[in-house]
Amino acid sequence: MKKIVECVPNFSEGRDPQKIEYIVAPLKNNENFRIVSYEPDADYNRTVVTLLGDAEAILSALPEFVRRALDTIDLNHHTGEHPRMGAVDVIPFIPIANTTNEECVEYANRLAETVSEQFDVPIFMYALAARKPERVLLPNIRKGEFEGMKEKIKDPEWAPDYGKPEIHPTFGAVAIGARILLVAYNIDIPTQDEKIADKLSRAIRQSSGGFQHIQAGPAFLEARGHMQVTMNILDYKKNPVYRIWETVKMEAKRFHLELHSGEIIGLMPKEAITDSLKYYYACENIPFPKDMSIADAVQGAIKYLNFRDFDAKKIIETYLE
């Protein structure tokens, strides 16, 4: 049976279409894996790429992708709403089918060794591939971002796992790791007041006393003219999407704000939707179908969770089937 992984490289360019196309070109038209999506965001100045397929084929293609990002992006001249420390900022491997967490850790280390040797870029291993407890969570590594990393990396406590203890002058540093499926979820906040979005983020963020397994922060979307609470749900089984959505809606009422939409970045498992829909069906005393179709899951997510720009292409099982 085929071993299938998901790989989600994030790179720090979301505004120049020509640069974005040049960087992602090596990831296109491969027989043994597919580029499910690449989603640039001008406000974040970042592009999230989602790959699905054979790990060995993905490993073969990624070095050229990294090289093109290195040749194209200079973080000394980069601005954007999303925290970043590298031109390619993070590359996680996620087991999907017939693949284990341990194998994904191996893939991450193999890529890290290749990238470090070929491009002289320092690399931090994170999440399941972390070699120190303080490097499990990506925000701990990224704290200080590209600008602060110039001094941080000289501290023996923050020496990279691969490469020299100095950042690449234009690329910076990259985090490579392995993790379970997470949900990258942003909630639209109809205000331009960053303090409100920050307070809403604090209400759900684990490090601020909110929910476990939630990383969250405020971001302004200039193109849309409003704030977002942008987050990663690191374990959707322990803290489902509906709980986060309903909590942020409740907290927003104290600021006299009505929330109407959110978005999913990259892929999410069907289970992350159905687990939330069970709550809403129970609220309305509707029997929950034993085997909900992907189409019905999509409609339910739009109706109850108010996902915008959402369709079956955002659900990982669409590609596995």
C-alpha atoms as a PDB file:
ATOM      1  CA  MET A   1       0.000   0.000   0.000  1.00  0.00           C
ATOM      2  CA  LYS A   2       1.212   3.487  -0.819  1.00  0.00           C
ATOM      3  CA  LYS A   3       2.691   5.613   1.940  1.00  0.00           C
ATOM      4  CA  ILE A   4       1.087   9.030   1.763  1.00  0.00           C
ATOM      5  CA  VAL A   5       2.237  12.128   3.594  1.00  0.00           C
ATOM      6  CA  GLU A   6       1.126  15.721   3.619  1.00  0.00           C
ATOM      7  CA  CYS A   7       3.808  18.401   3.491  1.00  0.00           C
ATOM      8  CA  VAL A   8       2.982  22.078   4.044  1.00  0.00           C
ATOM      9  CA  PRO A   9       5.898  24.410   3.199  1.00  0.00           C
ATOM     10  CA  ASN A  10       5.283  28.082   4.038  1.00  0.00           C
ATOM     11  CA  PHE A  11       7.393  30.729   2.321  1.00  0.00           C
ATOM     12  CA  SER A  12       7.652  34.460   2.905  1.00  0.00           C
ATOM     13  CA  GLU A  13       6.284  35.899  -0.339  1.00  0.00           C
ATOM     14  CA  GLY A  14       2.601  36.549  -0.899  1.00  0.00           C
ATOM     15  CA  ARG A  15       2.461  39.657  -3.075  1.00  0.00           C
ATOM     16  CA  ASP A  16       4.397  39.121  -6.305  1.00  0.00           C
ATOM     17  CA  PRO A  17       2.688  36.524  -8.549  1.00  0.00           C
ATOM     18  CA  GLN A  18       5.762  36.054 -10.745  1.00  0.00           C
ATOM     19  CA  LYS A  19       7.993  35.288  -7.761  1.00  0.00           C
ATOM     20  CA  ILE A  20       5.407  32.933  -6.279  1.00  0.00           C
ATOM     21  CA  GLU A  21       5.039  30.978  -9.521  1.00  0.00           C
ATOM     22  CA  TYR A  22       8.808  30.749  -9.906  1.00  0.00           C
ATOM     23  CA  ILE A  23       9.246  29.379  -6.380  1.00  0.00           C
ATOM     24  CA  VAL A  24       6.469  26.757  -6.544  1.00  0.00           C
ATOM     25  CA  ALA A  25       7.293  25.567 -10.094  1.00  0.00           C
ATOM     26  CA  PRO A  26       9.450  22.590  -8.953  1.00  0.00           C
ATOM     27  CA  LEU A  27       6.480  21.279  -6.971  1.00  0.00           C
ATOM     28  CA  LYS A  28       4.146  21.128  -9.956  1.00  0.00           C
ATOM     29  CA  ASN A  29       3.470  18.307 -12.429  1.00  0.00           C
ATOM     30  CA  ASN A  30       4.979  15.488 -10.388  1.00  0.00           C
ATOM     31  CA  GLU A  31       3.735  11.948 -10.972  1.00  0.00           C
ATOM     32  CA  ASN A  32       4.017  10.716  -7.388  1.00  0.00           C
ATOM     33  CA  PHE A  33       2.647  13.677  -5.460  1.00  0.00           C
ATOM     34  CA  ARG A  34       0.355  16.570  -6.159  1.00  0.00           C
ATOM     35  CA  ILE A  35       0.388  20.213  -5.214  1.00  0.00           C
ATOM     36  CA  VAL A  36      -3.099  20.422  -3.774  1.00  0.00           C
ATOM     37  CA  SER A  37      -2.979  24.186  -3.376  1.00  0.00           C
ATOM     38  CA  TYR A  38      -0.771  27.181  -2.864  1.00  0.00           C
ATOM     39  CA  GLU A  39      -2.460  30.092  -1.155  1.00  0.00           C
ATOM     40  CA  PRO A  40      -0.713  33.465  -1.217  1.00  0.00           C
ATOM     41  CA  ASP A  41      -1.859  36.207   1.141  1.00  0.00           C
ATOM     42  CA  ALA A  42      -0.697  39.754   0.461  1.00  0.00           C
ATOM     43  CA  ASP A  43      -1.403  40.995   3.988  1.00  0.00           C
ATOM     44  CA  TYR A  44       0.515  38.158   5.598  1.00  0.00           C
ATOM     45  CA  ASN A  45       3.040  38.346   2.717  1.00  0.00           C
ATOM     46  CA  ARG A  46       3.225  34.583   2.866  1.00  0.00           C
ATOM     47  CA  THR A  47       2.235  31.599   0.748  1.00  0.00           C
ATOM     48  CA  VAL A  48       1.084  28.290   2.200  1.00  0.00           C
ATOM     49  CA  VAL A  49       1.743  25.290  -0.065  1.00  0.00           C
ATOM     50  CA  THR A  50       0.004  21.945   0.458  1.00  0.00           C
ATOM     51  CA  LEU A  51       1.558  18.791  -1.005  1.00  0.00           C
ATOM     52  CA  LEU A  52       0.084  15.301  -0.818  1.00  0.00           C
ATOM     53  CA  GLY A  53       1.598  12.027  -1.942  1.00  0.00           C
ATOM     54  CA  ASP A  54       4.759   9.933  -1.872  1.00  0.00           C
ATOM     55  CA  ALA A  55       7.291  11.189   0.672  1.00  0.00           C
ATOM     56  CA  GLU A  56      10.366  10.223  -1.344  1.00  0.00           C
ATOM     57  CA  ALA A  57       9.126  12.172  -4.356  1.00  0.00           C
ATOM     58  CA  ILE A  58       8.364  15.206  -2.198  1.00  0.00           C
ATOM     59  CA  LEU A  59      11.821  15.020  -0.615  1.00  0.00           C
ATOM     60  CA  SER A  60      13.397  15.003  -4.071  1.00  0.00           C
ATOM     61  CA  ALA A  61      11.530  18.143  -5.177  1.00  0.00           C
ATOM     62  CA  LEU A  62      11.880  20.312  -2.073  1.00  0.00           C
ATOM     63  CA  PRO A  63      15.588  21.293  -2.365  1.00  0.00           C
ATOM     64  CA  GLU A  64      15.005  23.101  -5.674  1.00  0.00           C
ATOM     65  CA  PHE A  65      11.964  24.812  -4.132  1.00  0.00           C
ATOM     66  CA  VAL A  66      14.161  26.011  -1.251  1.00  0.00           C
ATOM     67  CA  ARG A  67      16.872  27.166  -3.664  1.00  0.00           C
ATOM     68  CA  ARG A  68      14.415  29.288  -5.602  1.00  0.00           C
ATOM     69  CA  ALA A  69      13.095  30.876  -2.415  1.00  0.00           C
ATOM     70  CA  LEU A  70      16.666  31.642  -1.350  1.00  0.00           C
ATOM     71  CA  ASP A  71      17.431  33.227  -4.734  1.00  0.00           C
ATOM     72  CA  THR A  72      14.216  35.280  -4.734  1.00  0.00           C
ATOM     73  CA  ILE A  73      13.440  36.415  -1.175  1.00  0.00           C
ATOM     74  CA  ASP A  74      15.490  38.815   0.932  1.00  0.00           C
ATOM     75  CA  LEU A  75      14.012  39.091   4.407  1.00  0.00           C
ATOM     76  CA  ASN A  76      15.915  42.318   5.028  1.00  0.00           C
ATOM     77  CA  HIS A  77      13.248  43.942   2.843  1.00  0.00           C
ATOM     78  CA  HIS A  78      10.259  41.822   3.897  1.00  0.00           C
ATOM     79  CA  THR A  79       7.199  43.079   5.777  1.00  0.00           C
ATOM     80  CA  GLY A  80       3.932  41.329   6.541  1.00  0.00           C
ATOM     81  CA  GLU A  81       1.429  40.481   9.235  1.00  0.00           C
ATOM     82  CA  HIS A  82       2.618  36.901   9.760  1.00  0.00           C
ATOM     83  CA  PRO A  83       5.641  36.165  11.990  1.00  0.00           C
ATOM     84  CA  ARG A  84       8.583  34.758  10.034  1.00  0.00           C
ATOM     85  CA  MET A  85      12.231  33.872  10.483  1.00  0.00           C
ATOM     86  CA  GLY A  86      13.014  32.395   7.075  1.00  0.00           C
ATOM     87  CA  ALA A  87      12.433  32.854   3.364  1.00  0.00           C
ATOM     88  CA  VAL A  88      11.049  29.342   3.610  1.00  0.00           C
ATOM     89  CA  ASP A  89       9.764  29.639   7.154  1.00  0.00           C
ATOM     90  CA  VAL A  90       8.548  26.160   8.021  1.00  0.00           C
ATOM     91  CA  ILE A  91       8.263  22.703   6.422  1.00  0.00           C
ATOM     92  CA  PRO A  92       6.233  20.095   8.333  1.00  0.00           C
ATOM     93  CA  PHE A  93       5.618  16.472   7.343  1.00  0.00           C
ATOM     94  CA  ILE A  94       2.305  14.907   8.405  1.00  0.00           C
ATOM     95  CA  PRO A  95       1.431  11.186   8.216  1.00  0.00           C
ATOM     96  CA  ILE A  96      -1.740  10.554   6.225  1.00  0.00           C
ATOM     97  CA  ALA A  97      -1.893   6.910   5.103  1.00  0.00           C
ATOM     98  CA  ASN A  98       0.329   3.895   5.856  1.00  0.00           C
ATOM     99  CA  THR A  99       2.914   6.240   7.364  1.00  0.00           C
ATOM    100  CA  THR A 100       3.937   6.769  10.985  1.00  0.00           C
ATOM    101  CA  ASN A 101       4.966   9.800  13.006  1.00  0.00           C
ATOM    102  CA  GLU A 102       8.420   8.245  13.342  1.00  0.00           C
ATOM    103  CA  GLU A 103       8.804   7.985   9.578  1.00  0.00           C
ATOM    104  CA  CYS A 104       7.826  11.640   9.184  1.00  0.00           C
ATOM    105  CA  VAL A 105      10.487  12.589  11.748  1.00  0.00           C
ATOM    106  CA  GLU A 106      12.986  10.686   9.594  1.00  0.00           C
ATOM    107  CA  TYR A 107      11.832  12.527   6.459  1.00  0.00           C
ATOM    108  CA  ALA A 108      12.203  15.856   8.272  1.00  0.00           C
ATOM    109  CA  ASN A 109      15.765  15.087   9.341  1.00  0.00           C
ATOM    110  CA  ARG A 110      16.756  13.906   5.888  1.00  0.00           C
ATOM    111  CA  LEU A 111      15.473  17.131   4.353  1.00  0.00           C
ATOM    112  CA  ALA A 112      17.143  19.231   7.048  1.00  0.00           C
ATOM    113  CA  GLU A 113      20.502  17.619   6.393  1.00  0.00           C
ATOM    114  CA  THR A 114      20.182  18.193   2.639  1.00  0.00           C
ATOM    115  CA  VAL A 115      19.060  21.817   2.916  1.00  0.00           C
ATOM    116  CA  SER A 116      21.738  22.663   5.467  1.00  0.00           C
ATOM    117  CA  GLU A 117      24.524  21.159   3.385  1.00  0.00           C
ATOM    118  CA  GLN A 118      23.405  22.534   0.026  1.00  0.00           C
ATOM    119  CA  PHE A 119      22.413  26.070   1.026  1.00  0.00           C
ATOM    120  CA  ASP A 120      24.273  26.818   4.277  1.00  0.00           C
ATOM    121  CA  VAL A 121      20.984  27.575   6.027  1.00  0.00           C
ATOM    122  CA  PRO A 122      20.526  26.964   9.778  1.00  0.00           C
ATOM    123  CA  ILE A 123      17.668  24.612  10.632  1.00  0.00           C
ATOM    124  CA  PHE A 124      15.631  24.056  13.783  1.00  0.00           C
ATOM    125  CA  MET A 125      13.794  20.764  14.225  1.00  0.00           C
ATOM    126  CA  TYR A 126      10.343  21.257  15.772  1.00  0.00           C
ATOM    127  CA  ALA A 127       7.158  19.505  16.917  1.00  0.00           C
ATOM    128  CA  LEU A 128       7.573  15.702  16.851  1.00  0.00           C
ATOM    129  CA  ALA A 129      11.087  16.131  15.454  1.00  0.00           C
ATOM    130  CA  ALA A 130      12.191  18.545  18.193  1.00  0.00           C
ATOM    131  CA  ARG A 131      15.390  17.629  20.024  1.00  0.00           C
ATOM    132  CA  LYS A 132      14.717  19.901  22.984  1.00  0.00           C
ATOM    133  CA  PRO A 133      11.419  20.454  24.852  1.00  0.00           C
ATOM    134  CA  GLU A 134      11.463  24.201  24.217  1.00  0.00           C
ATOM    135  CA  ARG A 135      11.556  23.567  20.461  1.00  0.00           C
ATOM    136  CA  VAL A 136       8.352  21.550  20.258  1.00  0.00           C
ATOM    137  CA  LEU A 137       6.250  24.688  19.706  1.00  0.00           C
ATOM    138  CA  LEU A 138       7.151  26.693  16.611  1.00  0.00           C
ATOM    139  CA  PRO A 139       6.396  30.130  18.161  1.00  0.00           C
ATOM    140  CA  ASN A 140       9.126  29.490  20.755  1.00  0.00           C
ATOM    141  CA  ILE A 141      11.681  29.002  18.003  1.00  0.00           C
ATOM    142  CA  ARG A 142      10.412  31.852  15.849  1.00  0.00           C
ATOM    143  CA  LYS A 143      10.229  34.382  18.701  1.00  0.00           C
ATOM    144  CA  GLY A 144      12.203  37.454  17.689  1.00  0.00           C
ATOM    145  CA  GLU A 145      11.665  36.624  14.014  1.00  0.00           C
ATOM    146  CA  PHE A 146      14.304  37.216  11.342  1.00  0.00           C
ATOM    147  CA  GLU A 147      15.566  40.425  12.918  1.00  0.00           C
ATOM    148  CA  GLY A 148      15.919  39.009  16.439  1.00  0.00           C
ATOM    149  CA  MET A 149      17.290  35.666  15.274  1.00  0.00           C
ATOM    150  CA  LYS A 150      20.571  37.341  14.296  1.00  0.00           C
ATOM    151  CA  GLU A 151      21.544  37.493  17.983  1.00  0.00           C
ATOM    152  CA  LYS A 152      19.316  34.722  19.372  1.00  0.00           C
ATOM    153  CA  ILE A 153      20.995  32.017  17.305  1.00  0.00           C
ATOM    154  CA  LYS A 154      24.379  32.854  18.859  1.00  0.00           C
ATOM    155  CA  ASP A 155      23.083  31.782  22.274  1.00  0.00           C
ATOM    156  CA  PRO A 156      24.218  28.165  22.867  1.00  0.00           C
ATOM    157  CA  GLU A 157      20.675  27.386  24.050  1.00  0.00           C
ATOM    158  CA  TRP A 158      19.386  28.338  20.593  1.00  0.00           C
ATOM    159  CA  ALA A 159      22.105  26.874  18.421  1.00  0.00           C
ATOM    160  CA  PRO A 160      20.469  25.312  15.335  1.00  0.00           C
ATOM    161  CA  ASP A 161      20.093  21.551  15.025  1.00  0.00           C
ATOM    162  CA  TYR A 162      21.724  21.714  11.604  1.00  0.00           C
ATOM    163  CA  GLY A 163      24.144  24.331  10.348  1.00  0.00           C
ATOM    164  CA  LYS A 164      26.239  27.070  11.900  1.00  0.00           C
ATOM    165  CA  PRO A 165      24.969  29.317  14.734  1.00  0.00           C
ATOM    166  CA  GLU A 166      24.407  32.259  12.426  1.00  0.00           C
ATOM    167  CA  ILE A 167      21.523  33.102  10.140  1.00  0.00           C
ATOM    168  CA  HIS A 168      21.801  33.191   6.390  1.00  0.00           C
ATOM    169  CA  PRO A 169      22.065  36.954   5.603  1.00  0.00           C
ATOM    170  CA  THR A 170      19.015  37.030   3.302  1.00  0.00           C
ATOM    171  CA  PHE A 171      17.217  33.720   3.901  1.00  0.00           C
ATOM    172  CA  GLY A 172      17.325  33.613   7.696  1.00  0.00           C
ATOM    173  CA  ALA A 173      16.557  30.221   9.253  1.00  0.00           C
ATOM    174  CA  VAL A 174      13.952  27.513   8.705  1.00  0.00           C
ATOM    175  CA  ALA A 175      12.024  25.143  10.973  1.00  0.00           C
ATOM    176  CA  ILE A 176      11.541  21.601   9.675  1.00  0.00           C
ATOM    177  CA  GLY A 177       9.531  19.016  11.548  1.00  0.00           C
ATOM    178  CA  ALA A 178       6.818  16.420  11.771  1.00  0.00           C
ATOM    179  CA  ARG A 179       3.408  16.807  13.349  1.00  0.00           C
ATOM    180  CA  ILE A 180      -0.109  15.475  13.452  1.00  0.00           C
ATOM    181  CA  LEU A 181      -2.812  17.077  11.341  1.00  0.00           C
ATOM    182  CA  LEU A 182      -3.668  20.554  12.557  1.00  0.00           C
ATOM    183  CA  VAL A 183      -6.342  22.991  11.455  1.00  0.00           C
ATOM    184  CA  ALA A 184      -5.112  26.408  10.266  1.00  0.00           C
ATOM    185  CA  TYR A 185      -8.139  28.556  11.007  1.00  0.00           C
ATOM    186  CA  ASN A 186      -8.716  32.323  10.831  1.00  0.00           C
ATOM    187  CA  ILE A 187     -11.784  34.138  12.150  1.00  0.00           C
ATOM    188  CA  ASP A 188     -12.758  37.456  10.560  1.00  0.00           C
ATOM    189  CA  ILE A 189     -13.253  40.261  13.075  1.00  0.00           C
ATOM    190  CA  PRO A 190     -15.229  43.248  11.674  1.00  0.00           C
ATOM    191  CA  THR A 191     -13.063  45.971  13.163  1.00  0.00           C
ATOM    192  CA  GLN A 192      -9.751  47.670  12.462  1.00  0.00           C
ATOM    193  CA  ASP A 193      -8.948  47.830  16.167  1.00  0.00           C
ATOM    194  CA  GLU A 194      -5.974  45.531  16.789  1.00  0.00           C
ATOM    195  CA  LYS A 195      -6.491  45.680  20.558  1.00  0.00           C
ATOM    196  CA  ILE A 196      -9.878  43.970  20.180  1.00  0.00           C
ATOM    197  CA  ALA A 197      -8.460  41.206  17.997  1.00  0.00           C
ATOM    198  CA  ASP A 198      -5.615  40.763  20.476  1.00  0.00           C
ATOM    199  CA  LYS A 199      -8.058  40.399  23.377  1.00  0.00           C
ATOM    200  CA  LEU A 200     -10.082  37.842  21.430  1.00  0.00           C
ATOM    201  CA  SER A 201      -6.878  35.937  20.641  1.00  0.00           C
ATOM    202  CA  ARG A 202      -5.917  35.916  24.301  1.00  0.00           C
ATOM    203  CA  ALA A 203      -9.299  34.481  25.227  1.00  0.00           C
ATOM    204  CA  ILE A 204      -8.582  31.272  23.306  1.00  0.00           C
ATOM    205  CA  ARG A 205      -4.777  31.055  23.188  1.00  0.00           C
ATOM    206  CA  GLN A 206      -3.227  28.408  25.433  1.00  0.00           C
ATOM    207  CA  SER A 207      -0.246  30.547  26.423  1.00  0.00           C
ATOM    208  CA  SER A 208      -2.630  33.254  27.684  1.00  0.00           C
ATOM    209  CA  GLY A 209      -4.771  30.910  29.754  1.00  0.00           C
ATOM    210  CA  GLY A 210      -7.230  29.964  27.017  1.00  0.00           C
ATOM    211  CA  PHE A 211      -7.764  26.555  25.442  1.00  0.00           C
ATOM    212  CA  GLN A 212      -5.108  23.886  25.247  1.00  0.00           C
ATOM    213  CA  HIS A 213      -3.663  23.148  21.802  1.00  0.00           C
ATOM    214  CA  ILE A 214      -4.500  26.644  20.475  1.00  0.00           C
ATOM    215  CA  GLN A 215      -1.964  29.113  19.091  1.00  0.00           C
ATOM    216  CA  ALA A 216      -3.566  32.437  18.147  1.00  0.00           C
ATOM    217  CA  GLY A 217      -2.844  36.080  17.455  1.00  0.00           C
ATOM    218  CA  PRO A 218      -4.244  39.207  15.774  1.00  0.00           C
ATOM    219  CA  ALA A 219      -3.629  40.180  12.158  1.00  0.00           C
ATOM    220  CA  PHE A 220      -4.904  43.017   9.977  1.00  0.00           C
ATOM    221  CA  LEU A 221      -6.143  42.262   6.469  1.00  0.00           C
ATOM    222  CA  GLU A 222      -5.638  45.468   4.513  1.00  0.00           C
ATOM    223  CA  ALA A 223      -7.311  44.044   1.422  1.00  0.00           C
ATOM    224  CA  ARG A 224     -10.480  43.309   3.391  1.00  0.00           C
ATOM    225  CA  GLY A 225     -10.198  46.228   5.782  1.00  0.00           C
ATOM    226  CA  HIS A 226     -10.606  44.270   9.016  1.00  0.00           C
ATOM    227  CA  MET A 227      -8.785  42.255  11.647  1.00  0.00           C
ATOM    228  CA  GLN A 228      -8.532  38.501  12.015  1.00  0.00           C
ATOM    229  CA  VAL A 229      -7.854  36.144  14.850  1.00  0.00           C
ATOM    230  CA  THR A 230      -5.419  33.812  13.117  1.00  0.00           C
ATOM    231  CA  MET A 231      -4.714  30.465  14.730  1.00  0.00           C
ATOM    232  CA  ASN A 232      -3.525  26.892  14.585  1.00  0.00           C
ATOM    233  CA  ILE A 233      -5.670  24.274  16.273  1.00  0.00           C
ATOM    234  CA  LEU A 234      -2.960  21.762  17.091  1.00  0.00           C
ATOM    235  CA  ASP A 235      -5.358  19.012  18.190  1.00  0.00           C
ATOM    236  CA  TYR A 236      -8.874  19.384  16.782  1.00  0.00           C
ATOM    237  CA  LYS A 237     -10.044  16.250  18.614  1.00  0.00           C
ATOM    238  CA  LYS A 238      -9.373  17.800  22.009  1.00  0.00           C
ATOM    239  CA  ASN A 239     -10.539  21.292  21.093  1.00  0.00           C
ATOM    240  CA  PRO A 240     -12.900  21.179  18.116  1.00  0.00           C
ATOM    241  CA  VAL A 241     -13.520  24.041  15.730  1.00  0.00           C
ATOM    242  CA  TYR A 242     -17.050  24.754  16.974  1.00  0.00           C
ATOM    243  CA  ARG A 243     -15.788  25.433  20.502  1.00  0.00           C
ATOM    244  CA  ILE A 244     -13.296  28.015  19.247  1.00  0.00           C
ATOM    245  CA  TRP A 245     -15.807  29.649  16.883  1.00  0.00           C
ATOM    246  CA  GLU A 246     -18.531  29.910  19.531  1.00  0.00           C
ATOM    247  CA  THR A 247     -16.126  31.226  22.167  1.00  0.00           C
ATOM    248  CA  VAL A 248     -14.757  33.971  19.935  1.00  0.00           C
ATOM    249  CA  LYS A 249     -18.307  34.929  18.899  1.00  0.00           C
ATOM    250  CA  MET A 250     -19.303  35.142  22.562  1.00  0.00           C
ATOM    251  CA  GLU A 251     -16.261  37.210  23.529  1.00  0.00           C
ATOM    252  CA  ALA A 252     -16.809  39.555  20.557  1.00  0.00           C
ATOM    253  CA  LYS A 253     -20.236  40.538  21.882  1.00  0.00           C
ATOM    254  CA  ARG A 254     -18.659  42.540  24.694  1.00  0.00           C
ATOM    255  CA  PHE A 255     -17.239  44.778  21.954  1.00  0.00           C
ATOM    256  CA  HIS A 256     -20.647  44.887  20.202  1.00  0.00           C
ATOM    257  CA  LEU A 257     -19.343  42.888  17.261  1.00  0.00           C
ATOM    258  CA  GLU A 258     -21.242  40.211  15.340  1.00  0.00           C
ATOM    259  CA  LEU A 259     -19.020  37.658  13.644  1.00  0.00           C
ATOM    260  CA  HIS A 260     -20.064  36.182  10.305  1.00  0.00           C
ATOM    261  CA  SER A 261     -17.134  34.336   8.732  1.00  0.00           C
ATOM    262  CA  GLY A 262     -13.887  32.445   9.027  1.00  0.00           C
ATOM    263  CA  GLU A 263     -11.514  30.658   6.671  1.00  0.00           C
ATOM    264  CA  ILE A 264      -9.475  27.487   6.506  1.00  0.00           C
ATOM    265  CA  ILE A 265      -5.916  27.656   5.171  1.00  0.00           C
ATOM    266  CA  GLY A 266      -4.686  24.502   3.490  1.00  0.00           C
ATOM    267  CA  LEU A 267      -6.426  21.181   4.118  1.00  0.00           C
ATOM    268  CA  MET A 268      -8.459  19.896   7.022  1.00  0.00           C
ATOM    269  CA  PRO A 269      -9.677  16.367   7.759  1.00  0.00           C
ATOM    270  CA  LYS A 270     -13.364  15.631   7.311  1.00  0.00           C
ATOM    271  CA  GLU A 271     -13.491  14.497  10.932  1.00  0.00           C
ATOM    272  CA  ALA A 272     -12.628  18.022  12.086  1.00  0.00           C
ATOM    273  CA  ILE A 273     -15.876  19.177  10.463  1.00  0.00           C
ATOM    274  CA  THR A 274     -18.135  16.307  11.478  1.00  0.00           C
ATOM    275  CA  ASP A 275     -16.992  16.513  15.117  1.00  0.00           C
ATOM    276  CA  SER A 276     -18.220  20.102  15.151  1.00  0.00           C
ATOM    277  CA  LEU A 277     -21.409  19.418  13.216  1.00  0.00           C
ATOM    278  CA  LYS A 278     -22.442  16.851  15.840  1.00  0.00           C
ATOM    279  CA  TYR A 279     -22.679  19.730  18.311  1.00  0.00           C
ATOM    280  CA  TYR A 280     -24.959  21.801  16.081  1.00  0.00           C
ATOM    281  CA  TYR A 281     -27.132  18.850  15.131  1.00  0.00           C
ATOM    282  CA  ALA A 282     -27.585  18.066  18.827  1.00  0.00           C
ATOM    283  CA  CYS A 283     -28.520  21.697  19.528  1.00  0.00           C
ATOM    284  CA  GLU A 284     -31.269  21.447  16.909  1.00  0.00           C
ATOM    285  CA  ASN A 285     -32.273  17.916  17.937  1.00  0.00           C
ATOM    286  CA  ILE A 286     -31.435  16.535  14.477  1.00  0.00           C
ATOM    287  CA  PRO A 287     -30.200  12.931  14.191  1.00  0.00           C
ATOM    288  CA  PHE A 288     -26.605  12.892  12.998  1.00  0.00           C
ATOM    289  CA  PRO A 289     -26.000  10.705   9.917  1.00  0.00           C
ATOM    290  CA  LYS A 290     -23.624   7.805  10.496  1.00  0.00           C
ATOM    291  CA  ASP A 291     -21.702   8.295   7.254  1.00  0.00           C
ATOM    292  CA  MET A 292     -21.885  11.954   6.253  1.00  0.00           C
ATOM    293  CA  SER A 293     -20.768  12.633   2.694  1.00  0.00           C
ATOM    294  CA  ILE A 294     -18.050  15.148   1.914  1.00  0.00           C
ATOM    295  CA  ALA A 295     -20.623  17.300   0.101  1.00  0.00           C
ATOM    296  CA  ASP A 296     -22.872  17.388   3.171  1.00  0.00           C
ATOM    297  CA  ALA A 297     -19.898  18.122   5.417  1.00  0.00           C
ATOM    298  CA  VAL A 298     -19.016  21.091   3.216  1.00  0.00           C
ATOM    299  CA  GLN A 299     -22.554  22.455   3.358  1.00  0.00           C
ATOM    300  CA  GLY A 300     -22.675  21.979   7.109  1.00  0.00           C
ATOM    301  CA  ALA A 301     -19.364  23.779   7.582  1.00  0.00           C
ATOM    302  CA  ILE A 302     -20.624  26.739   5.571  1.00  0.00           C
ATOM    303  CA  LYS A 303     -23.981  26.836   7.371  1.00  0.00           C
ATOM    304  CA  TYR A 304     -22.880  26.366  10.980  1.00  0.00           C
ATOM    305  CA  LEU A 305     -19.215  27.342  11.086  1.00  0.00           C
ATOM    306  CA  ASN A 306     -19.561  30.128   8.516  1.00  0.00           C
ATOM    307  CA  PHE A 307     -16.508  29.125   6.508  1.00  0.00           C
ATOM    308  CA  ARG A 308     -16.037  31.382   3.496  1.00  0.00           C
ATOM    309  CA  ASP A 309     -14.396  30.353   0.225  1.00  0.00           C
ATOM    310  CA  PHE A 310     -14.827  26.739   1.290  1.00  0.00           C
ATOM    311  CA  ASP A 311     -15.446  23.635  -0.804  1.00  0.00           C
ATOM    312  CA  ALA A 312     -14.531  19.956  -1.026  1.00  0.00           C
ATOM    313  CA  LYS A 313     -11.012  20.849  -2.193  1.00  0.00           C
ATOM    314  CA  LYS A 314     -10.288  21.949   1.372  1.00  0.00           C
ATOM    315  CA  ILE A 315     -10.995  18.445   2.755  1.00  0.00           C
ATOM    316  CA  ILE A 316      -8.170  15.952   2.693  1.00  0.00           C
ATOM    317  CA  GLU A 317     -10.395  12.920   2.075  1.00  0.00           C
ATOM    318  CA  THR A 318     -11.390  14.409  -1.286  1.00  0.00           C
ATOM    319  CA  TYR A 319      -7.930  13.547  -2.576  1.00  0.00           C
ATOM    320  CA  LEU A 320      -7.602  10.212  -0.826  1.00  0.00           C
ATOM    321  CA  GLU A 321     -10.843   8.966  -2.339  1.00  0.00           C
END
